[in-house]
PDB file of N, CA and C in Angstrom:
ATOM      1  N   MET A   1     -15.987   2.077 172.916  1.00  0.00           N
ATOM      2  CA  MET A   1     -17.414   2.059 173.095  1.00  0.00           C
ATOM      3  C   MET A   1     -18.083   2.347 171.756  1.00  0.00           C
ATOM      4  N   ALA A   2     -19.116   1.609 171.427  1.00  0.00           N
ATOM      5  CA  ALA A   2     -19.863   1.831 170.198  1.00  0.00           C
ATOM      6  C   ALA A   2     -20.552   3.188 170.267  1.00  0.00           C
ATOM      7  N   LEU A   3     -20.809   3.748 169.117  1.00  0.00           N
ATOM      8  CA  LEU A   3     -21.416   5.071 169.021  1.00  0.00           C
ATOM      9  C   LEU A   3     -22.886   4.920 168.673  1.00  0.00           C
ATOM     10  N   ARG A   4     -23.685   5.764 169.284  1.00  0.00           N
ATOM     11  CA  ARG A   4     -25.103   5.796 168.943  1.00  0.00           C
ATOM     12  C   ARG A   4     -25.541   7.248 168.897  1.00  0.00           C
ATOM     13  N   PHE A   5     -26.134   7.653 167.786  1.00  0.00           N
ATOM     14  CA  PHE A   5     -26.638   9.008 167.669  1.00  0.00           C
ATOM     15  C   PHE A   5     -28.043   9.081 168.249  1.00  0.00           C
ATOM     16  N   GLY A   6     -28.432  10.290 168.614  1.00  0.00           N
ATOM     17  CA  GLY A   6     -29.794  10.504 169.076  1.00  0.00           C
ATOM     18  C   GLY A   6     -30.781  10.193 167.963  1.00  0.00           C
ATOM     19  N   ASP A   7     -32.048  10.013 168.320  1.00  0.00           N
ATOM     20  CA  ASP A   7     -33.046   9.613 167.330  1.00  0.00           C
ATOM     21  C   ASP A   7     -33.372  10.720 166.329  1.00  0.00           C
ATOM     22  N   LYS A   8     -32.928  11.917 166.561  1.00  0.00           N
ATOM     23  CA  LYS A   8     -33.156  13.030 165.641  1.00  0.00           C
ATOM     24  C   LYS A   8     -31.902  13.368 164.826  1.00  0.00           C
ATOM     25  N   VAL A   9     -30.951  12.435 164.759  1.00  0.00           N
ATOM     26  CA  VAL A   9     -29.733  12.629 163.966  1.00  0.00           C
ATOM     27  C   VAL A   9     -29.720  11.588 162.851  1.00  0.00           C
ATOM     28  N   SER A  10     -29.628  12.077 161.627  1.00  0.00           N
ATOM     29  CA  SER A  10     -29.591  11.205 160.455  1.00  0.00           C
ATOM     30  C   SER A  10     -28.182  11.203 159.876  1.00  0.00           C
ATOM     31  N   THR A  11     -27.807  10.095 159.266  1.00  0.00           N
ATOM     32  CA  THR A  11     -26.509   9.995 158.599  1.00  0.00           C
ATOM     33  C   THR A  11     -26.724   9.573 157.151  1.00  0.00           C
ATOM     34  N   ALA A  12     -25.844  10.038 156.296  1.00  0.00           N
ATOM     35  CA  ALA A  12     -25.887   9.633 154.891  1.00  0.00           C
ATOM     36  C   ALA A  12     -24.461   9.607 154.353  1.00  0.00           C
ATOM     37  N   ALA A  13     -24.152   8.542 153.627  1.00  0.00           N
ATOM     38  CA  ALA A  13     -22.851   8.437 152.967  1.00  0.00           C
ATOM     39  C   ALA A  13     -22.922   9.217 151.656  1.00  0.00           C
ATOM     40  N   THR A  14     -21.842   9.918 151.346  1.00  0.00           N
ATOM     41  CA  THR A  14     -21.743  10.652 150.088  1.00  0.00           C
ATOM     42  C   THR A  14     -20.457  10.246 149.386  1.00  0.00           C
ATOM     43  N   ASP A  15     -20.236  10.786 148.212  1.00  0.00           N
ATOM     44  CA  ASP A  15     -18.988  10.514 147.494  1.00  0.00           C
ATOM     45  C   ASP A  15     -17.786  11.114 148.214  1.00  0.00           C
ATOM     46  N   TYR A  16     -18.030  12.056 149.110  1.00  0.00           N
ATOM     47  CA  TYR A  16     -16.948  12.791 149.771  1.00  0.00           C
ATOM     48  C   TYR A  16     -16.792  12.460 151.246  1.00  0.00           C
ATOM     49  N   GLY A  17     -17.578  11.536 151.754  1.00  0.00           N
ATOM     50  CA  GLY A  17     -17.512  11.185 153.170  1.00  0.00           C
ATOM     51  C   GLY A  17     -18.900  10.882 153.701  1.00  0.00           C
ATOM     52  N   THR A  18     -19.200  11.418 154.863  1.00  0.00           N
ATOM     53  CA  THR A  18     -20.476  11.184 155.523  1.00  0.00           C
ATOM     54  C   THR A  18     -21.062  12.514 155.961  1.00  0.00           C
ATOM     55  N   VAL A  19     -22.379  12.629 155.861  1.00  0.00           N
ATOM     56  CA  VAL A  19     -23.069  13.827 156.316  1.00  0.00           C
ATOM     57  C   VAL A  19     -23.950  13.445 157.499  1.00  0.00           C
ATOM     58  N   LEU A  20     -23.898  14.266 158.537  1.00  0.00           N
ATOM     59  CA  LEU A  20     -24.767  14.108 159.704  1.00  0.00           C
ATOM     60  C   LEU A  20     -25.741  15.276 159.723  1.00  0.00           C
ATOM     61  N   LEU A  21     -27.016  15.018 159.973  1.00  0.00           N
ATOM     62  CA  LEU A  21     -28.023  16.060 160.057  1.00  0.00           C
ATOM     63  C   LEU A  21     -28.704  15.979 161.407  1.00  0.00           C
ATOM     64  N   ASP A  22     -28.665  17.078 162.147  1.00  0.00           N
ATOM     65  CA  ASP A  22     -29.385  17.188 163.413  1.00  0.00           C
ATOM     66  C   ASP A  22     -30.753  17.773 163.090  1.00  0.00           C
ATOM     67  N   GLU A  23     -31.764  16.923 163.067  1.00  0.00           N
ATOM     68  CA  GLU A  23     -33.104  17.339 162.675  1.00  0.00           C
ATOM     69  C   GLU A  23     -33.749  18.289 163.677  1.00  0.00           C
ATOM     70  N   ARG A  24     -33.199  18.389 164.863  1.00  0.00           N
ATOM     71  CA  ARG A  24     -33.762  19.291 165.874  1.00  0.00           C
ATOM     72  C   ARG A  24     -33.561  20.746 165.499  1.00  0.00           C
ATOM     73  N   ASN A  25     -32.439  21.043 164.844  1.00  0.00           N
ATOM     74  CA  ASN A  25     -32.130  22.441 164.539  1.00  0.00           C
ATOM     75  C   ASN A  25     -31.700  22.666 163.089  1.00  0.00           C
ATOM     76  N   GLY A  26     -31.691  21.621 162.282  1.00  0.00           N
ATOM     77  CA  GLY A  26     -31.325  21.743 160.878  1.00  0.00           C
ATOM     78  C   GLY A  26     -29.833  21.869 160.624  1.00  0.00           C
ATOM     79  N   GLN A  27     -29.032  21.742 161.658  1.00  0.00           N
ATOM     80  CA  GLN A  27     -27.587  21.858 161.495  1.00  0.00           C
ATOM     81  C   GLN A  27     -27.029  20.544 160.947  1.00  0.00           C
ATOM     82  N   TYR A  28     -26.049  20.671 160.052  1.00  0.00           N
ATOM     83  CA  TYR A  28     -25.432  19.456 159.528  1.00  0.00           C
ATOM     84  C   TYR A  28     -23.923  19.566 159.544  1.00  0.00           C
ATOM     85  N   TRP A  29     -23.297  18.397 159.531  1.00  0.00           N
ATOM     86  CA  TRP A  29     -21.841  18.277 159.520  1.00  0.00           C
ATOM     87  C   TRP A  29     -21.467  17.410 158.336  1.00  0.00           C
ATOM     88  N   GLU A  30     -20.482  17.867 157.582  1.00  0.00           N
ATOM     89  CA  GLU A  30     -19.941  17.054 156.497  1.00  0.00           C
ATOM     90  C   GLU A  30     -18.611  16.498 156.970  1.00  0.00           C
ATOM     91  N   LEU A  31     -18.547  15.190 157.115  1.00  0.00           N
ATOM     92  CA  LEU A  31     -17.351  14.521 157.612  1.00  0.00           C
ATOM     93  C   LEU A  31     -16.498  14.068 156.431  1.00  0.00           C
ATOM     94  N   ASN A  32     -15.200  14.278 156.549  1.00  0.00           N
ATOM     95  CA  ASN A  32     -14.299  13.803 155.502  1.00  0.00           C
ATOM     96  C   ASN A  32     -14.225  12.276 155.562  1.00  0.00           C
ATOM     97  N   PRO A  33     -13.578  11.632 154.584  1.00  0.00           N
ATOM     98  CA  PRO A  33     -13.522  10.169 154.577  1.00  0.00           C
ATOM     99  C   PRO A  33     -12.932   9.559 155.852  1.00  0.00           C
ATOM    100  N   THR A  34     -11.962  10.223 156.456  1.00  0.00           N
ATOM    101  CA  THR A  34     -11.371   9.711 157.693  1.00  0.00           C
ATOM    102  C   THR A  34     -12.410   9.690 158.807  1.00  0.00           C
ATOM    103  N   ALA A  35     -13.075  10.812 159.019  1.00  0.00           N
ATOM    104  CA  ALA A  35     -14.108  10.893 160.060  1.00  0.00           C
ATOM    105  C   ALA A  35     -15.277   9.971 159.734  1.00  0.00           C
ATOM    106  N   GLY A  36     -15.612   9.864 158.450  1.00  0.00           N
ATOM    107  CA  GLY A  36     -16.686   8.962 158.049  1.00  0.00           C
ATOM    108  C   GLY A  36     -16.389   7.521 158.384  1.00  0.00           C
ATOM    109  N   LEU A  37     -15.141   7.106 158.184  1.00  0.00           N
ATOM    110  CA  LEU A  37     -14.744   5.738 158.524  1.00  0.00           C
ATOM    111  C   LEU A  37     -14.831   5.510 160.028  1.00  0.00           C
ATOM    112  N   ILE A  38     -14.421   6.488 160.798  1.00  0.00           N
ATOM    113  CA  ILE A  38     -14.520   6.371 162.263  1.00  0.00           C
ATOM    114  C   ILE A  38     -15.975   6.188 162.664  1.00  0.00           C
ATOM    115  N   VAL A  39     -16.848   7.053 162.176  1.00  0.00           N
ATOM    116  CA  VAL A  39     -18.275   6.990 162.525  1.00  0.00           C
ATOM    117  C   VAL A  39     -18.882   5.667 162.072  1.00  0.00           C
ATOM    118  N   THR A  40     -18.590   5.260 160.851  1.00  0.00           N
ATOM    119  CA  THR A  40     -19.128   3.997 160.338  1.00  0.00           C
ATOM    120  C   THR A  40     -18.697   2.817 161.202  1.00  0.00           C
ATOM    121  N   THR A  41     -17.438   2.796 161.589  1.00  0.00           N
ATOM    122  CA  THR A  41     -16.920   1.708 162.428  1.00  0.00           C
ATOM    123  C   THR A  41     -17.610   1.694 163.781  1.00  0.00           C
ATOM    124  N   LEU A  42     -17.767   2.859 164.387  1.00  0.00           N
ATOM    125  CA  LEU A  42     -18.391   2.937 165.708  1.00  0.00           C
ATOM    126  C   LEU A  42     -19.881   2.623 165.643  1.00  0.00           C
ATOM    127  N   LEU A  43     -20.569   3.090 164.611  1.00  0.00           N
ATOM    128  CA  LEU A  43     -22.000   2.798 164.469  1.00  0.00           C
ATOM    129  C   LEU A  43     -22.256   1.319 164.222  1.00  0.00           C
ATOM    130  N   ALA A  44     -21.274   0.644 163.632  1.00  0.00           N
ATOM    131  CA  ALA A  44     -21.406  -0.793 163.369  1.00  0.00           C
ATOM    132  C   ALA A  44     -21.141  -1.630 164.615  1.00  0.00           C
ATOM    133  N   GLY A  45     -20.854  -0.962 165.737  1.00  0.00           N
ATOM    134  CA  GLY A  45     -20.637  -1.689 166.978  1.00  0.00           C
ATOM    135  C   GLY A  45     -19.189  -1.807 167.388  1.00  0.00           C
ATOM    136  N   GLY A  46     -18.291  -1.300 166.561  1.00  0.00           N
ATOM    137  CA  GLY A  46     -16.880  -1.347 166.919  1.00  0.00           C
ATOM    138  C   GLY A  46     -16.554  -0.340 168.010  1.00  0.00           C
ATOM    139  N   ASP A  47     -15.477  -0.603 168.713  1.00  0.00           N
ATOM    140  CA  ASP A  47     -15.038   0.343 169.735  1.00  0.00           C
ATOM    141  C   ASP A  47     -13.989   1.274 169.143  1.00  0.00           C
ATOM    142  N   GLU A  48     -13.447   2.150 169.974  1.00  0.00           N
ATOM    143  CA  GLU A  48     -12.474   3.119 169.482  1.00  0.00           C
ATOM    144  C   GLU A  48     -11.207   2.446 168.954  1.00  0.00           C
ATOM    145  N   THR A  49     -10.812   1.334 169.539  1.00  0.00           N
ATOM    146  CA  THR A  49      -9.647   0.598 169.040  1.00  0.00           C
ATOM    147  C   THR A  49      -9.907   0.066 167.637  1.00  0.00           C
ATOM    148  N   ALA A  50     -11.118  -0.411 167.391  1.00  0.00           N
ATOM    149  CA  ALA A  50     -11.470  -0.889 166.046  1.00  0.00           C
ATOM    150  C   ALA A  50     -11.432   0.258 165.045  1.00  0.00           C
ATOM    151  N   ALA A  51     -11.864   1.442 165.465  1.00  0.00           N
ATOM    152  CA  ALA A  51     -11.821   2.610 164.577  1.00  0.00           C
ATOM    153  C   ALA A  51     -10.374   2.995 164.268  1.00  0.00           C
ATOM    154  N   VAL A  52      -9.514   2.934 165.271  1.00  0.00           N
ATOM    155  CA  VAL A  52      -8.092   3.211 165.068  1.00  0.00           C
ATOM    156  C   VAL A  52      -7.517   2.209 164.070  1.00  0.00           C
ATOM    157  N   ASP A  53      -7.798   0.945 164.268  1.00  0.00           N
ATOM    158  CA  ASP A  53      -7.295  -0.092 163.363  1.00  0.00           C
ATOM    159  C   ASP A  53      -7.806   0.118 161.940  1.00  0.00           C
ATOM    160  N   ALA A  54      -9.063   0.527 161.800  1.00  0.00           N
ATOM    161  CA  ALA A  54      -9.634   0.779 160.475  1.00  0.00           C
ATOM    162  C   ALA A  54      -8.913   1.938 159.781  1.00  0.00           C
ATOM    163  N   LEU A  55      -8.601   2.987 160.528  1.00  0.00           N
ATOM    164  CA  LEU A  55      -7.873   4.124 159.952  1.00  0.00           C
ATOM    165  C   LEU A  55      -6.488   3.710 159.473  1.00  0.00           C
ATOM    166  N   ILE A  56      -5.810   2.933 160.295  1.00  0.00           N
ATOM    167  CA  ILE A  56      -4.468   2.478 159.925  1.00  0.00           C
ATOM    168  C   ILE A  56      -4.529   1.627 158.659  1.00  0.00           C
ATOM    169  N   ALA A  57      -5.489   0.712 158.599  1.00  0.00           N
ATOM    170  CA  ALA A  57      -5.611  -0.171 157.439  1.00  0.00           C
ATOM    171  C   ALA A  57      -5.991   0.594 156.174  1.00  0.00           C
ATOM    172  N   GLU A  58      -6.891   1.551 156.301  1.00  0.00           N
ATOM    173  CA  GLU A  58      -7.403   2.263 155.129  1.00  0.00           C
ATOM    174  C   GLU A  58      -6.471   3.367 154.637  1.00  0.00           C
ATOM    175  N   PHE A  59      -5.872   4.100 155.581  1.00  0.00           N
ATOM    176  CA  PHE A  59      -5.117   5.293 155.193  1.00  0.00           C
ATOM    177  C   PHE A  59      -3.618   5.207 155.469  1.00  0.00           C
ATOM    178  N   GLY A  60      -3.174   4.133 156.119  1.00  0.00           N
ATOM    179  CA  GLY A  60      -1.750   3.936 156.346  1.00  0.00           C
ATOM    180  C   GLY A  60      -1.105   4.960 157.268  1.00  0.00           C
ATOM    181  N   ILE A  61      -1.884   5.513 158.188  1.00  0.00           N
ATOM    182  CA  ILE A  61      -1.310   6.484 159.124  1.00  0.00           C
ATOM    183  C   ILE A  61      -0.787   5.755 160.351  1.00  0.00           C
ATOM    184  N   ASP A  62       0.045   6.437 161.133  1.00  0.00           N
ATOM    185  CA  ASP A  62       0.605   5.775 162.312  1.00  0.00           C
ATOM    186  C   ASP A  62      -0.428   5.717 163.439  1.00  0.00           C
ATOM    187  N   ARG A  63      -0.217   4.788 164.355  1.00  0.00           N
ATOM    188  CA  ARG A  63      -1.175   4.524 165.423  1.00  0.00           C
ATOM    189  C   ARG A  63      -1.430   5.755 166.298  1.00  0.00           C
ATOM    190  N   THR A  64      -0.394   6.494 166.635  1.00  0.00           N
ATOM    191  CA  THR A  64      -0.569   7.667 167.501  1.00  0.00           C
ATOM    192  C   THR A  64      -1.497   8.678 166.843  1.00  0.00           C
ATOM    193  N   ARG A  65      -1.282   8.948 165.573  1.00  0.00           N
ATOM    194  CA  ARG A  65      -2.138   9.897 164.849  1.00  0.00           C
ATOM    195  C   ARG A  65      -3.568   9.376 164.772  1.00  0.00           C
ATOM    196  N   ALA A  66      -3.741   8.083 164.489  1.00  0.00           N
ATOM    197  CA  ALA A  66      -5.072   7.486 164.401  1.00  0.00           C
ATOM    198  C   ALA A  66      -5.802   7.579 165.743  1.00  0.00           C
ATOM    199  N   GLU A  67      -5.100   7.301 166.825  1.00  0.00           N
ATOM    200  CA  GLU A  67      -5.703   7.390 168.163  1.00  0.00           C
ATOM    201  C   GLU A  67      -6.148   8.820 168.460  1.00  0.00           C
ATOM    202  N   GLN A  68      -5.325   9.794 168.097  1.00  0.00           N
ATOM    203  CA  GLN A  68      -5.681  11.195 168.318  1.00  0.00           C
ATOM    204  C   GLN A  68      -6.903  11.583 167.487  1.00  0.00           C
ATOM    205  N   ASP A  69      -6.937  11.160 166.236  1.00  0.00           N
ATOM    206  CA  ASP A  69      -8.064  11.483 165.365  1.00  0.00           C
ATOM    207  C   ASP A  69      -9.368  10.906 165.904  1.00  0.00           C
ATOM    208  N   VAL A  70      -9.333   9.656 166.329  1.00  0.00           N
ATOM    209  CA  VAL A  70     -10.538   9.015 166.863  1.00  0.00           C
ATOM    210  C   VAL A  70     -10.987   9.716 168.142  1.00  0.00           C
ATOM    211  N   ALA A  71     -10.077   9.938 169.067  1.00  0.00           N
ATOM    212  CA  ALA A  71     -10.431  10.581 170.337  1.00  0.00           C
ATOM    213  C   ALA A  71     -11.009  11.978 170.118  1.00  0.00           C
ATOM    214  N   THR A  72     -10.412  12.737 169.205  1.00  0.00           N
ATOM    215  CA  THR A  72     -10.885  14.090 168.934  1.00  0.00           C
ATOM    216  C   THR A  72     -12.290  14.073 168.347  1.00  0.00           C
ATOM    217  N   LEU A  73     -12.523  13.228 167.364  1.00  0.00           N
ATOM    218  CA  LEU A  73     -13.845  13.171 166.742  1.00  0.00           C
ATOM    219  C   LEU A  73     -14.901  12.708 167.732  1.00  0.00           C
ATOM    220  N   VAL A  74     -14.612  11.676 168.492  1.00  0.00           N
ATOM    221  CA  VAL A  74     -15.592  11.167 169.456  1.00  0.00           C
ATOM    222  C   VAL A  74     -15.939  12.253 170.477  1.00  0.00           C
ATOM    223  N   GLU A  75     -14.953  12.974 170.951  1.00  0.00           N
ATOM    224  CA  GLU A  75     -15.207  14.058 171.904  1.00  0.00           C
ATOM    225  C   GLU A  75     -16.064  15.157 171.273  1.00  0.00           C
ATOM    226  N   GLU A  76     -15.774  15.524 170.031  1.00  0.00           N
ATOM    227  CA  GLU A  76     -16.556  16.552 169.345  1.00  0.00           C
ATOM    228  C   GLU A  76     -18.003  16.115 169.139  1.00  0.00           C
ATOM    229  N   LEU A  77     -18.205  14.856 168.796  1.00  0.00           N
ATOM    230  CA  LEU A  77     -19.572  14.354 168.620  1.00  0.00           C
ATOM    231  C   LEU A  77     -20.333  14.363 169.940  1.00  0.00           C
ATOM    232  N   ARG A  78     -19.670  13.993 171.001  1.00  0.00           N
ATOM    233  CA  ARG A  78     -20.327  13.985 172.318  1.00  0.00           C
ATOM    234  C   ARG A  78     -20.673  15.395 172.787  1.00  0.00           C
ATOM    235  N   THR A  79     -19.727  16.330 172.643  1.00  0.00           N
ATOM    236  CA  THR A  79     -19.982  17.687 173.123  1.00  0.00           C
ATOM    237  C   THR A  79     -20.977  18.442 172.238  1.00  0.00           C
ATOM    238  N   SER A  80     -21.148  17.994 170.998  1.00  0.00           N
ATOM    239  CA  SER A  80     -22.107  18.637 170.102  1.00  0.00           C
ATOM    240  C   SER A  80     -23.549  18.258 170.421  1.00  0.00           C
ATOM    241  N   GLY A  81     -23.728  17.225 171.240  1.00  0.00           N
ATOM    242  CA  GLY A  81     -25.073  16.771 171.586  1.00  0.00           C
ATOM    243  C   GLY A  81     -25.668  15.813 170.572  1.00  0.00           C
ATOM    244  N   LEU A  82     -24.866  15.320 169.649  1.00  0.00           N
ATOM    245  CA  LEU A  82     -25.381  14.405 168.638  1.00  0.00           C
ATOM    246  C   LEU A  82     -25.543  12.975 169.134  1.00  0.00           C
ATOM    247  N   THR A  83     -24.764  12.597 170.119  1.00  0.00           N
ATOM    248  CA  THR A  83     -24.798  11.208 170.576  1.00  0.00           C
ATOM    249  C   THR A  83     -25.853  11.023 171.650  1.00  0.00           C
ATOM    250  N   ALA A  84     -26.338   9.798 171.714  1.00  0.00           N
ATOM    251  CA  ALA A  84     -27.374   9.463 172.701  1.00  0.00           C
ATOM    252  C   ALA A  84     -26.736   8.973 173.972  1.00  0.00           C
TER     253      ALA A  84
END
């Protein structure tokens, strides 16, 4: 499923990954390059399988690890209240 943040969540790419800012409370998250790639893939309309494939292509990790990383990040984003 594609990812969509709430209208009060901003994203910015940095040299070190991606930063998310929750404008409702001023809290921010600095995502490492792996998490940034997952978020970028999902925000572009890709599903979780596309994010897994992107991780494998970019970082050469095995599929099981990539699937776990994607599932964990997506769950954390949902439970944090950042997603719409």
